[in-house]
C-alpha atoms as a PDB file:
ATOM      1  CA  MET A   1     -20.423 -46.665 -38.620  1.00  0.00           C
ATOM      2  CA  LYS A   2     -22.660 -44.450 -36.531  1.00  0.00           C
ATOM      3  CA  GLN A   3     -21.100 -41.280 -35.095  1.00  0.00           C
ATOM      4  CA  VAL A   4     -22.171 -40.255 -31.597  1.00  0.00           C
ATOM      5  CA  PRO A   5     -21.586 -36.693 -30.392  1.00  0.00           C
ATOM      6  CA  THR A   6     -19.156 -36.205 -27.538  1.00  0.00           C
ATOM      7  CA  PRO A   7     -20.901 -35.073 -24.335  1.00  0.00           C
ATOM      8  CA  SER A   8     -20.477 -31.356 -23.676  1.00  0.00           C
ATOM      9  CA  GLN A   9     -20.469 -31.728 -19.912  1.00  0.00           C
ATOM     10  CA  THR A  10     -17.158 -31.277 -18.103  1.00  0.00           C
ATOM     11  CA  VAL A  11     -16.410 -34.294 -15.923  1.00  0.00           C
ATOM     12  CA  GLY A  12     -12.764 -33.771 -14.995  1.00  0.00           C
ATOM     13  CA  PRO A  13      -9.960 -33.173 -14.553  1.00  0.00           C
ATOM     14  CA  PHE A  14      -9.501 -35.032 -11.308  1.00  0.00           C
ATOM     15  CA  PHE A  15      -6.323 -33.572  -9.839  1.00  0.00           C
ATOM     16  CA  ARG A  16      -5.875 -35.978  -6.960  1.00  0.00           C
ATOM     17  CA  ILE A  17      -5.484 -38.898  -9.360  1.00  0.00           C
ATOM     18  CA  GLY A  18      -1.809 -38.948 -10.250  1.00  0.00           C
ATOM     19  CA  LEU A  19      -0.914 -35.704  -8.477  1.00  0.00           C
ATOM     20  CA  ASP A  20      -1.543 -36.529  -4.825  1.00  0.00           C
ATOM     21  CA  ALA A  21       1.982 -37.913  -4.467  1.00  0.00           C
ATOM     22  CA  ARG A  22       3.348 -34.667  -5.897  1.00  0.00           C
ATOM     23  CA  CYS A  23       1.721 -32.493  -3.255  1.00  0.00           C
ATOM     24  CA  GLU A  24       4.664 -30.563  -1.814  1.00  0.00           C
ATOM     25  CA  ALA A  25       4.292 -29.070   1.657  1.00  0.00           C
ATOM     26  CA  PRO A  26       6.055 -27.518   3.466  1.00  0.00           C
ATOM     27  CA  PHE A  27       7.469 -25.505   0.590  1.00  0.00           C
ATOM     28  CA  ALA A  28      10.712 -24.682   2.402  1.00  0.00           C
ATOM     29  CA  GLY A  29      12.588 -27.137   4.612  1.00  0.00           C
ATOM     30  CA  PRO A  30      13.603 -26.262   8.172  1.00  0.00           C
ATOM     31  CA  GLN A  31      17.150 -25.252   7.167  1.00  0.00           C
ATOM     32  CA  VAL A  32      15.905 -22.582   4.725  1.00  0.00           C
ATOM     33  CA  MET A  33      16.568 -19.094   6.080  1.00  0.00           C
ATOM     34  CA  GLY A  34      13.625 -16.729   6.420  1.00  0.00           C
ATOM     35  CA  GLU A  35      10.589 -15.868   8.485  1.00  0.00           C
ATOM     36  CA  ARG A  36       8.049 -18.684   8.490  1.00  0.00           C
ATOM     37  CA  VAL A  37       4.485 -17.806   7.486  1.00  0.00           C
ATOM     38  CA  GLN A  38       1.385 -19.977   7.636  1.00  0.00           C
ATOM     39  CA  ILE A  39      -1.391 -19.222   5.187  1.00  0.00           C
ATOM     40  CA  ALA A  40      -4.856 -20.744   5.325  1.00  0.00           C
ATOM     41  CA  GLY A  41      -7.996 -20.094   3.371  1.00  0.00           C
ATOM     42  CA  SER A  42     -10.858 -21.484   1.361  1.00  0.00           C
ATOM     43  CA  VAL A  43     -11.717 -21.662  -2.315  1.00  0.00           C
ATOM     44  CA  LEU A  44     -15.328 -20.504  -2.706  1.00  0.00           C
ATOM     45  CA  ASP A  45     -17.596 -20.488  -5.755  1.00  0.00           C
ATOM     46  CA  GLY A  46     -19.993 -17.702  -6.770  1.00  0.00           C
ATOM     47  CA  ASP A  47     -22.561 -18.894  -4.220  1.00  0.00           C
ATOM     48  CA  ARG A  48     -19.875 -18.871  -1.481  1.00  0.00           C
ATOM     49  CA  LYS A  49     -19.924 -22.668  -1.411  1.00  0.00           C
ATOM     50  CA  PRO A  50     -16.602 -24.460  -0.863  1.00  0.00           C
ATOM     51  CA  VAL A  51     -14.795 -26.046  -3.795  1.00  0.00           C
ATOM     52  CA  PRO A  52     -13.529 -29.425  -2.530  1.00  0.00           C
ATOM     53  CA  ASP A  53     -11.431 -30.461  -5.522  1.00  0.00           C
ATOM     54  CA  ALA A  54      -9.178 -27.503  -6.331  1.00  0.00           C
ATOM     55  CA  MET A  55      -5.400 -27.576  -6.526  1.00  0.00           C
ATOM     56  CA  LEU A  56      -3.225 -24.546  -5.823  1.00  0.00           C
ATOM     57  CA  GLU A  57       0.272 -24.267  -7.206  1.00  0.00           C
ATOM     58  CA  VAL A  58       2.339 -21.615  -5.431  1.00  0.00           C
ATOM     59  CA  TRP A  59       5.561 -20.046  -6.777  1.00  0.00           C
ATOM     60  CA  GLN A  60       7.791 -17.663  -4.839  1.00  0.00           C
ATOM     61  CA  ALA A  61      11.231 -16.178  -4.304  1.00  0.00           C
ATOM     62  CA  ASP A  62      13.345 -16.921  -1.243  1.00  0.00           C
ATOM     63  CA  ALA A  63      13.859 -14.457   1.619  1.00  0.00           C
ATOM     64  CA  SER A  64      16.527 -12.625  -0.425  1.00  0.00           C
ATOM     65  CA  GLY A  65      14.272 -12.212  -3.467  1.00  0.00           C
ATOM     66  CA  ASN A  66      15.914 -14.952  -5.544  1.00  0.00           C
ATOM     67  CA  TYR A  67      13.955 -17.588  -7.430  1.00  0.00           C
ATOM     68  CA  ALA A  68      15.107 -21.188  -7.062  1.00  0.00           C
ATOM     69  CA  SER A  69      17.142 -22.674  -9.891  1.00  0.00           C
ATOM     70  CA  ALA A  70      20.223 -24.826 -10.165  1.00  0.00           C
ATOM     71  CA  GLU A  71      22.245 -21.795 -11.251  1.00  0.00           C
ATOM     72  CA  THR A  72      21.208 -19.461  -8.418  1.00  0.00           C
ATOM     73  CA  SER A  73      21.479 -22.231  -5.813  1.00  0.00           C
ATOM     74  CA  LEU A  74      25.153 -22.688  -6.615  1.00  0.00           C
ATOM     75  CA  ARG A  75      26.005 -19.026  -7.169  1.00  0.00           C
ATOM     76  CA  GLN A  76      24.050 -17.490  -4.295  1.00  0.00           C
ATOM     77  CA  GLY A  77      24.179 -20.298  -1.759  1.00  0.00           C
ATOM     78  CA  GLN A  78      20.470 -21.036  -1.566  1.00  0.00           C
ATOM     79  CA  ALA A  79      19.566 -23.726   0.924  1.00  0.00           C
ATOM     80  CA  PRO A  80      19.064 -27.053  -0.848  1.00  0.00           C
ATOM     81  CA  ARG A  81      15.483 -27.540   0.353  1.00  0.00           C
ATOM     82  CA  PHE A  82      14.133 -24.278  -1.021  1.00  0.00           C
ATOM     83  CA  ARG A  83      12.211 -25.382  -4.090  1.00  0.00           C
ATOM     84  CA  GLY A  84      10.418 -22.089  -4.684  1.00  0.00           C
ATOM     85  CA  TRP A  85       7.116 -23.789  -5.416  1.00  0.00           C
ATOM     86  CA  GLY A  86       4.626 -26.234  -3.996  1.00  0.00           C
ATOM     87  CA  ARG A  87       1.196 -27.735  -4.575  1.00  0.00           C
ATOM     88  CA  ILE A  88      -1.688 -28.106  -2.177  1.00  0.00           C
ATOM     89  CA  PHE A  89      -5.194 -29.413  -2.547  1.00  0.00           C
ATOM     90  CA  THR A  90      -8.349 -28.146  -0.936  1.00  0.00           C
ATOM     91  CA  ASN A  91      -9.953 -30.579   1.479  1.00  0.00           C
ATOM     92  CA  ASP A  92     -13.572 -31.762   1.402  1.00  0.00           C
ATOM     93  CA  HIS A  93     -14.612 -28.390   2.856  1.00  0.00           C
ATOM     94  CA  GLY A  94     -12.719 -26.312   0.267  1.00  0.00           C
ATOM     95  CA  LYS A  95      -9.991 -25.350   2.755  1.00  0.00           C
ATOM     96  CA  PHE A  96      -6.232 -25.235   2.255  1.00  0.00           C
ATOM     97  CA  HIS A  97      -3.255 -24.573   4.530  1.00  0.00           C
ATOM     98  CA  PHE A  98       0.486 -24.306   3.911  1.00  0.00           C
ATOM     99  CA  THR A  99       3.657 -23.057   5.552  1.00  0.00           C
ATOM    100  CA  THR A 100       6.449 -21.296   3.695  1.00  0.00           C
ATOM    101  CA  ILE A 101       8.916 -18.453   4.196  1.00  0.00           C
ATOM    102  CA  LEU A 102       8.196 -14.793   3.660  1.00  0.00           C
ATOM    103  CA  PRO A 103       9.631 -14.006   0.215  1.00  0.00           C
ATOM    104  CA  GLY A 104      11.886 -11.054  -0.446  1.00  0.00           C
ATOM    105  CA  ALA A 105      11.216  -8.289  -2.949  1.00  0.00           C
ATOM    106  CA  VAL A 106      11.958  -9.259  -6.565  1.00  0.00           C
ATOM    107  CA  PRO A 107      12.920  -7.170  -9.614  1.00  0.00           C
ATOM    108  CA  GLY A 108      10.203  -5.212 -11.363  1.00  0.00           C
ATOM    109  CA  PRO A 109       8.626  -6.420 -14.616  1.00  0.00           C
ATOM    110  CA  ASP A 110      11.294  -4.556 -16.598  1.00  0.00           C
ATOM    111  CA  GLY A 111      14.081  -6.257 -14.611  1.00  0.00           C
ATOM    112  CA  THR A 112      14.773  -3.207 -12.431  1.00  0.00           C
ATOM    113  CA  LYS A 113      16.468  -4.231  -9.200  1.00  0.00           C
ATOM    114  CA  GLN A 114      16.262  -0.872  -7.442  1.00  0.00           C
ATOM    115  CA  ALA A 115      13.581   0.473  -5.115  1.00  0.00           C
ATOM    116  CA  PRO A 116      10.979   1.813  -5.674  1.00  0.00           C
ATOM    117  CA  HIS A 117      10.640  -0.327  -8.839  1.00  0.00           C
ATOM    118  CA  LEU A 118      10.910  -3.671  -7.045  1.00  0.00           C
ATOM    119  CA  GLN A 119       7.869  -5.901  -6.677  1.00  0.00           C
ATOM    120  CA  ALA A 120       6.677  -6.228  -3.092  1.00  0.00           C
ATOM    121  CA  PRO A 121       7.011  -9.625  -1.406  1.00  0.00           C
ATOM    122  CA  HIS A 122       4.334 -11.878  -2.878  1.00  0.00           C
ATOM    123  CA  LEU A 123       3.417 -15.423  -3.831  1.00  0.00           C
ATOM    124  CA  VAL A 124       2.090 -16.317  -7.280  1.00  0.00           C
ATOM    125  CA  VAL A 125      -0.836 -18.740  -7.086  1.00  0.00           C
ATOM    126  CA  SER A 126      -2.275 -20.800  -9.942  1.00  0.00           C
ATOM    127  CA  ILE A 127      -5.691 -22.342  -9.295  1.00  0.00           C
ATOM    128  CA  PHE A 128      -6.721 -25.529 -11.088  1.00  0.00           C
ATOM    129  CA  MET A 129     -10.118 -27.149 -10.671  1.00  0.00           C
ATOM    130  CA  ARG A 130     -12.894 -29.053 -12.344  1.00  0.00           C
ATOM    131  CA  GLY A 131     -14.823 -26.950 -14.835  1.00  0.00           C
ATOM    132  CA  LEU A 132     -11.937 -24.576 -15.633  1.00  0.00           C
ATOM    133  CA  LEU A 133     -10.599 -24.932 -19.147  1.00  0.00           C
ATOM    134  CA  LYS A 134      -7.686 -22.662 -18.243  1.00  0.00           C
ATOM    135  CA  HIS A 135      -6.186 -22.241 -14.792  1.00  0.00           C
ATOM    136  CA  LEU A 136      -6.567 -18.962 -12.888  1.00  0.00           C
ATOM    137  CA  VAL A 137      -3.575 -16.920 -11.718  1.00  0.00           C
ATOM    138  CA  SER A 138      -3.533 -14.616  -8.717  1.00  0.00           C
ATOM    139  CA  ARG A 139      -1.084 -13.293  -6.152  1.00  0.00           C
ATOM    140  CA  ILE A 140      -0.851 -13.205  -2.389  1.00  0.00           C
ATOM    141  CA  TYR A 141       0.543  -9.978  -0.981  1.00  0.00           C
ATOM    142  CA  PHE A 142       1.001  -9.370   2.739  1.00  0.00           C
ATOM    143  CA  ALA A 143      -1.252  -6.805   4.431  1.00  0.00           C
ATOM    144  CA  GLY A 144       0.716  -4.020   6.076  1.00  0.00           C
ATOM    145  CA  GLU A 145       3.824  -4.551   3.928  1.00  0.00           C
ATOM    146  CA  PRO A 146       5.190  -1.023   3.188  1.00  0.00           C
ATOM    147  CA  ALA A 147       6.477  -2.088  -0.261  1.00  0.00           C
ATOM    148  CA  ASN A 148       2.897  -2.820  -1.403  1.00  0.00           C
ATOM    149  CA  GLN A 149       2.354   0.874  -2.136  1.00  0.00           C
ATOM    150  CA  PHE A 150       5.152   0.823  -4.743  1.00  0.00           C
ATOM    151  CA  ASP A 151       4.497  -2.571  -6.333  1.00  0.00           C
ATOM    152  CA  PRO A 152       4.054  -2.059 -10.114  1.00  0.00           C
ATOM    153  CA  ILE A 153       1.689  -5.037 -10.514  1.00  0.00           C
ATOM    154  CA  LEU A 154      -0.481  -4.162  -7.523  1.00  0.00           C
ATOM    155  CA  ALA A 155      -0.693  -0.609  -8.891  1.00  0.00           C
ATOM    156  CA  LEU A 156      -2.548  -2.016 -11.928  1.00  0.00           C
ATOM    157  CA  VAL A 157      -5.368  -3.269  -9.674  1.00  0.00           C
ATOM    158  CA  ASP A 158      -8.331  -1.059  -8.777  1.00  0.00           C
ATOM    159  CA  PRO A 159      -7.657   0.159  -5.202  1.00  0.00           C
ATOM    160  CA  ALA A 160     -11.139  -1.008  -4.158  1.00  0.00           C
ATOM    161  CA  ARG A 161     -10.196  -4.608  -5.089  1.00  0.00           C
ATOM    162  CA  ARG A 162      -6.610  -4.815  -3.828  1.00  0.00           C
ATOM    163  CA  HIS A 163      -7.731  -6.294  -0.508  1.00  0.00           C
ATOM    164  CA  THR A 164      -8.646  -9.501  -2.363  1.00  0.00           C
ATOM    165  CA  LEU A 165      -4.917 -10.053  -2.924  1.00  0.00           C
ATOM    166  CA  GLU A 166      -3.799  -9.507   0.688  1.00  0.00           C
ATOM    167  CA  ALA A 167      -3.246 -12.209   3.285  1.00  0.00           C
ATOM    168  CA  ARG A 168      -4.309 -10.797   6.653  1.00  0.00           C
ATOM    169  CA  PRO A 169      -3.745 -11.964  10.216  1.00  0.00           C
ATOM    170  CA  ASP A 170      -6.425 -14.399  11.356  1.00  0.00           C
ATOM    171  CA  SER A 171      -8.035 -13.043  14.513  1.00  0.00           C
ATOM    172  CA  THR A 172      -8.700 -16.540  15.889  1.00  0.00           C
ATOM    173  CA  VAL A 173      -5.283 -18.183  15.398  1.00  0.00           C
ATOM    174  CA  PRO A 174      -2.111 -16.270  16.356  1.00  0.00           C
ATOM    175  CA  GLY A 175       0.544 -16.306  13.631  1.00  0.00           C
ATOM    176  CA  LEU A 176      -1.837 -17.487  10.911  1.00  0.00           C
ATOM    177  CA  LEU A 177      -2.527 -15.422   7.795  1.00  0.00           C
ATOM    178  CA  ARG A 178      -5.861 -15.804   6.019  1.00  0.00           C
ATOM    179  CA  TRP A 179      -6.412 -15.531   2.254  1.00  0.00           C
ATOM    180  CA  ASP A 180      -9.614 -16.762   0.654  1.00  0.00           C
ATOM    181  CA  ILE A 181     -10.153 -17.268  -3.055  1.00  0.00           C
ATOM    182  CA  HIS A 182     -13.577 -16.119  -4.267  1.00  0.00           C
ATOM    183  CA  LEU A 183     -14.139 -17.340  -7.822  1.00  0.00           C
ATOM    184  CA  GLN A 184     -17.085 -14.985  -8.488  1.00  0.00           C
ATOM    185  CA  GLY A 185     -19.313 -12.468  -6.774  1.00  0.00           C
ATOM    186  CA  GLU A 186     -18.835  -9.202  -4.924  1.00  0.00           C
ATOM    187  CA  GLN A 187     -15.628 -10.345  -3.237  1.00  0.00           C
ATOM    188  CA  GLU A 188     -14.190 -11.988  -6.369  1.00  0.00           C
ATOM    189  CA  THR A 189     -10.432 -12.372  -6.076  1.00  0.00           C
ATOM    190  CA  VAL A 190      -8.395 -10.471  -8.651  1.00  0.00           C
ATOM    191  CA  PHE A 191      -7.115 -12.843 -11.343  1.00  0.00           C
ATOM    192  CA  PHE A 192      -4.449 -11.949 -13.884  1.00  0.00           C
ATOM    193  CA  ASP A 193      -4.268 -12.792 -17.590  1.00  0.00           C
ATOM    194  CA  CYS A 194      -1.083 -14.763 -18.134  1.00  0.00           C
END
């Protein structure tokens, strides 16, 4: 039997196959309490070209700072359509858009539930795409949020790069926040080792 080497070129994964039906947007149903936020952006490669086949998985707390689970839903009265996560795909132009609620502050990494050790409102974003052997993890913070200055995770990031983690108001569309993901280059988004 002749052995043939396996090609070294990455062909997949192809996220739309099998996952398209599991795309979950909006992340919070209309009965979920909290301020609605719309976030739009693009996933861009090192040459600032759009990435048309990326998938973003977003995790968050509710407006009170509680993560969704069967236990907390019953104990704390969470609305039944707050899942606390969702998936979205980039379109053919590398763009994404989703609506959710503004999350509340959550306990610090050590479990501290008192200010100023709370984590500022944020969304955790995992990025999956062709050519990545391991997904990337980042966060979306909200520009102008006073709690950002005390966030223990944001404090670990070089101040000159923190802007890459902040969703900012879009000057062309009222009520829309913009957050772009730059995979490489001068404006590279901060990614965390997880």
